[in-house]
């Protein structure tokens, strides 16, 4: 960054504050925006602090200050990009617990099914297991059952069929065979896949289903 007017070296406190803003913003920020939020610091001083950050990161570390259309943001250096990508690939792979596998089997063979119905079969609250299965796109919300309280209905997804090599739900093996398949699956990793047919806000309804609707009069 070049400026026609020279400024004194920025104080370490200002550099640290600007660094924190760039980190917290999550998107490119213009020096003018930062200066407007800082009492006693003008745009040139903010620009000098950004320059100091760029110099520091150029010498060491895995971050850099990237300029985008006159604004600035913190970014990872290209040389560490492969490691960062591998981290997120690994982070997005999680294991299905025994509770999730048991819940998945119930949903697969009893769908469409509600939380109270699953709980009656398992004997424990299945909300945590369902949330995990929703995040992995193994089950999805199908709607609400037309009974008092209008509970959510759950069923399996296309991702479920693909994972188990099924063409349709009618191809499900016997419960005993499926239990054996789930036993083999326990401890293996599943990628987190967002189901395009499953709105995110509906996924959150597992733990926060919202107000209970009154049943319609017959």
Protein backbone atom coordinates (compact mmCIF):
# COMPACT_ATOMS: atom_id res chain seq x y z
CA UNK A 1 0.00 0.00 0.00
CA UNK A 2 1.47 3.35 -0.95
CA UNK A 3 0.45 6.77 0.44
CA UNK A 4 1.73 10.21 -0.50
CA UNK A 5 1.58 11.33 3.12
CA UNK A 6 3.95 9.62 5.54
CA UNK A 7 2.77 8.73 9.01
CA UNK A 8 4.59 7.67 12.14
CA UNK A 9 4.98 3.99 12.85
CA UNK A 10 1.66 2.74 14.29
CA UNK A 11 1.53 1.72 17.92
CA UNK A 12 1.51 -2.00 18.64
CA UNK A 13 -1.91 -1.61 20.33
CA UNK A 14 -3.38 -0.16 17.13
CA UNK A 15 -1.85 -2.93 15.01
CA UNK A 16 -3.30 -5.55 17.34
CA UNK A 17 -6.73 -3.91 17.26
CA UNK A 18 -6.76 -3.71 13.45
CA UNK A 19 -5.67 -7.34 13.25
CA UNK A 20 -8.55 -8.32 15.54
CA UNK A 21 -11.04 -6.40 13.39
CA UNK A 22 -9.85 -8.07 10.17
CA UNK A 23 -10.06 -11.47 11.85
CA UNK A 24 -13.53 -10.92 13.32
CA UNK A 25 -15.05 -9.27 10.23
CA UNK A 26 -14.83 -12.37 8.08
CA UNK A 27 -15.06 -10.22 4.94
CA UNK A 28 -12.98 -7.45 3.34
CA UNK A 29 -12.96 -4.22 5.38
CA UNK A 30 -11.97 -0.76 4.14
CA UNK A 31 -9.55 1.29 6.30
CA UNK A 32 -12.18 4.04 6.39
CA UNK A 33 -14.62 1.66 8.10
CA UNK A 34 -12.06 0.75 10.74
CA UNK A 35 -11.07 4.39 11.32
CA UNK A 36 -14.74 5.31 11.83
CA UNK A 37 -14.92 2.82 14.69
CA UNK A 38 -11.63 3.86 16.32
CA UNK A 39 -11.46 7.06 18.35
CA UNK A 40 -8.25 8.98 17.82
CA UNK A 41 -7.13 7.08 14.69
CA UNK A 42 -7.50 8.36 11.14
CA UNK A 43 -7.58 6.42 7.89
CA UNK A 44 -3.86 6.90 7.20
CA UNK A 45 -2.96 5.50 10.61
CA UNK A 46 -5.19 2.49 10.00
CA UNK A 47 -3.57 2.01 6.60
CA UNK A 48 -0.14 2.09 8.24
CA UNK A 49 -1.24 -0.53 10.76
CA UNK A 50 -2.44 -2.75 7.90
CA UNK A 51 0.92 -2.30 6.17
CA UNK A 52 2.67 -3.34 9.39
CA UNK A 53 0.52 -6.45 9.54
CA UNK A 54 1.31 -7.31 5.93
CA UNK A 55 5.03 -6.98 6.63
CA UNK A 56 4.80 -9.17 9.71
CA UNK A 57 2.87 -11.92 7.94
CA UNK A 58 5.23 -11.76 4.95
CA UNK A 59 8.11 -12.75 7.22
CA UNK A 60 6.45 -15.68 8.99
CA UNK A 61 3.18 -17.41 9.79
CA UNK A 62 0.46 -18.99 7.72
CA UNK A 63 -1.67 -15.88 7.22
CA UNK A 64 -1.52 -12.90 4.92
CA UNK A 65 -3.43 -9.63 4.55
CA UNK A 66 -5.17 -9.74 1.19
CA UNK A 67 -6.41 -6.65 -0.66
CA UNK A 68 -9.77 -6.94 -2.41
CA UNK A 69 -11.22 -3.91 -4.25
CA UNK A 70 -9.58 -1.45 -1.88
CA UNK A 71 -10.60 -3.38 1.23
CA UNK A 72 -8.55 -5.86 3.27
CA UNK A 73 -9.08 -9.24 4.85
CA UNK A 74 -7.07 -11.95 6.57
CA UNK A 75 -6.47 -15.01 4.40
CA UNK A 76 -4.37 -18.16 4.47
CA UNK A 77 -1.17 -18.23 2.45
CA UNK A 78 -1.25 -20.32 -0.74
CA UNK A 79 1.59 -22.53 0.49
CA UNK A 80 -0.55 -23.83 3.38
CA UNK A 81 -3.71 -24.18 1.30
CA UNK A 82 -3.40 -27.95 0.86
CA UNK A 83 -3.13 -28.48 4.62
CA UNK A 84 -6.14 -26.23 5.31
CA UNK A 85 -8.26 -28.06 2.73
CA UNK A 86 -7.29 -31.43 4.19
CA UNK A 87 -8.20 -30.21 7.68
CA UNK A 88 -11.71 -29.22 6.62
CA UNK A 89 -12.21 -32.46 4.69
CA UNK A 90 -11.24 -34.40 7.80
CA UNK A 91 -13.26 -32.17 10.11
CA UNK A 92 -16.39 -32.75 8.03
CA UNK A 93 -16.16 -36.50 8.50
CA UNK A 94 -17.81 -37.79 11.62
CA UNK A 95 -18.75 -41.15 13.07
CA UNK A 96 -22.25 -42.47 13.66
CA UNK A 97 -22.86 -43.47 17.27
CA UNK A 98 -24.67 -46.63 18.29
CA UNK A 99 -27.68 -44.49 19.24
CA UNK A 100 -27.72 -42.86 15.78
CA UNK A 101 -27.51 -46.24 14.04
CA UNK A 102 -30.36 -47.62 16.14
CA UNK A 103 -32.47 -44.54 15.40
CA UNK A 104 -31.64 -44.81 11.69
CA UNK A 105 -32.89 -48.39 11.60
CA UNK A 106 -36.16 -47.39 13.26
CA UNK A 107 -36.70 -44.51 10.84
CA UNK A 108 -35.84 -46.69 7.83
CA UNK A 109 -38.43 -49.38 8.64
CA UNK A 110 -41.14 -47.31 10.33
CA UNK A 111 -41.13 -44.10 8.24
CA UNK A 112 -42.80 -41.70 8.26
CA UNK A 113 -42.32 -41.60 12.01
CA UNK A 114 -42.38 -38.97 14.76
CA UNK A 115 -40.03 -38.34 17.69
CA UNK A 116 -42.54 -39.65 20.28
CA UNK A 117 -42.97 -42.83 18.22
CA UNK A 118 -39.20 -43.36 17.99
CA UNK A 119 -38.88 -42.69 21.73
CA UNK A 120 -41.60 -45.26 22.47
CA UNK A 121 -39.57 -47.88 20.58
CA UNK A 122 -36.09 -46.95 21.87
CA UNK A 123 -37.12 -45.92 25.37
CA UNK A 124 -34.93 -42.78 25.28
CA UNK A 125 -35.13 -39.32 23.75
CA UNK A 126 -33.86 -39.62 20.13
CA UNK A 127 -33.45 -35.87 19.47
CA UNK A 128 -29.66 -35.90 19.63
CA UNK A 129 -29.38 -38.91 17.33
CA UNK A 130 -31.86 -37.40 14.89
CA UNK A 131 -29.93 -34.13 14.75
CA UNK A 132 -26.77 -36.08 13.91
CA UNK A 133 -28.57 -38.02 11.18
CA UNK A 134 -30.04 -34.82 9.74
CA UNK A 135 -26.61 -33.21 9.58
CA UNK A 136 -25.33 -36.22 7.64
CA UNK A 137 -28.38 -36.20 5.34
CA UNK A 138 -29.31 -39.76 6.27
CA UNK A 139 -32.80 -38.67 7.38
CA UNK A 140 -34.97 -35.68 6.55
CA UNK A 141 -38.16 -34.00 7.72
CA UNK A 142 -41.16 -35.05 5.64
CA UNK A 143 -43.77 -32.77 7.18
CA UNK A 144 -46.04 -32.87 10.23
CA UNK A 145 -48.40 -35.57 11.37
CA UNK A 146 -52.02 -34.45 11.51
CA UNK A 147 -52.61 -35.27 15.14
CA UNK A 148 -52.72 -33.17 18.31
CA UNK A 149 -49.45 -31.24 18.52
CA UNK A 150 -48.60 -31.75 14.83
CA UNK A 151 -45.24 -33.51 15.52
CA UNK A 152 -42.62 -33.60 12.76
CA UNK A 153 -42.41 -36.68 10.57
CA UNK A 154 -39.03 -38.17 9.66
CA UNK A 155 -37.91 -40.41 6.83
CA UNK A 156 -34.73 -41.46 5.05
CA UNK A 157 -33.08 -39.59 2.17
CA UNK A 158 -31.58 -40.35 -1.25
CA UNK A 159 -28.20 -40.16 0.48
CA UNK A 160 -29.33 -43.04 2.71
CA UNK A 161 -30.22 -45.13 -0.36
CA UNK A 162 -26.91 -44.34 -2.04
CA UNK A 163 -24.89 -45.18 1.07
CA UNK A 164 -26.53 -48.59 1.47
CA UNK A 165 -26.60 -49.36 -2.26
CA UNK A 166 -30.39 -49.38 -2.51
CA UNK A 167 -32.44 -48.32 -5.53
CA UNK A 168 -35.61 -47.70 -3.52
CA UNK A 169 -36.98 -48.24 -0.02
CA UNK A 170 -38.72 -51.40 -1.17
CA UNK A 171 -35.24 -52.90 -1.63
CA UNK A 172 -34.50 -52.75 2.11
CA UNK A 173 -33.31 -56.15 3.35
CA UNK A 174 -34.83 -57.92 6.33
CA UNK A 175 -34.42 -56.19 9.67
CA UNK A 176 -31.90 -58.84 10.74
CA UNK A 177 -29.78 -58.27 7.61
CA UNK A 178 -30.00 -54.52 8.02
CA UNK A 179 -28.92 -54.76 11.66
CA UNK A 180 -25.85 -56.66 10.46
CA UNK A 181 -25.14 -53.91 7.91
CA UNK A 182 -25.40 -51.27 10.63
CA UNK A 183 -23.09 -53.28 12.87
CA UNK A 184 -20.47 -53.22 10.12
CA UNK A 185 -21.04 -49.49 9.67
CA UNK A 186 -20.50 -48.61 13.34
CA UNK A 187 -17.24 -46.75 13.80
CA UNK A 188 -16.86 -45.89 10.11
CA UNK A 189 -16.88 -42.29 8.93
CA UNK A 190 -19.59 -40.51 6.99
CA UNK A 191 -19.10 -37.23 5.12
CA UNK A 192 -21.37 -34.34 6.07
CA UNK A 193 -23.55 -33.83 3.00
CA UNK A 194 -26.14 -31.06 2.81
CA UNK A 195 -29.36 -32.39 1.33
CA UNK A 196 -30.62 -29.79 -1.15
CA UNK A 197 -34.18 -30.92 -0.45
CA UNK A 198 -33.81 -30.30 3.29
CA UNK A 199 -34.02 -26.64 4.37
CA UNK A 200 -31.53 -25.80 7.12
CA UNK A 201 -34.23 -24.18 9.23
CA UNK A 202 -36.14 -27.48 9.27
CA UNK A 203 -33.03 -29.30 10.46
CA UNK A 204 -32.91 -26.96 13.47
CA UNK A 205 -36.53 -27.84 14.25
CA UNK A 206 -35.37 -31.12 15.80
CA UNK A 207 -34.45 -29.39 19.02
CA UNK A 208 -36.66 -26.34 18.56
CA UNK A 209 -39.87 -27.35 16.80
CA UNK A 210 -41.54 -24.02 17.52
CA UNK A 211 -45.06 -23.41 18.83
CA UNK A 212 -47.46 -26.31 18.79
CA UNK A 213 -50.25 -25.76 16.29
CA UNK A 214 -53.84 -26.38 17.28
CA UNK A 215 -55.45 -29.33 15.44
CA UNK A 216 -57.86 -28.31 12.72
CA UNK A 217 -61.54 -28.87 13.55
CA UNK A 218 -63.08 -31.81 11.75
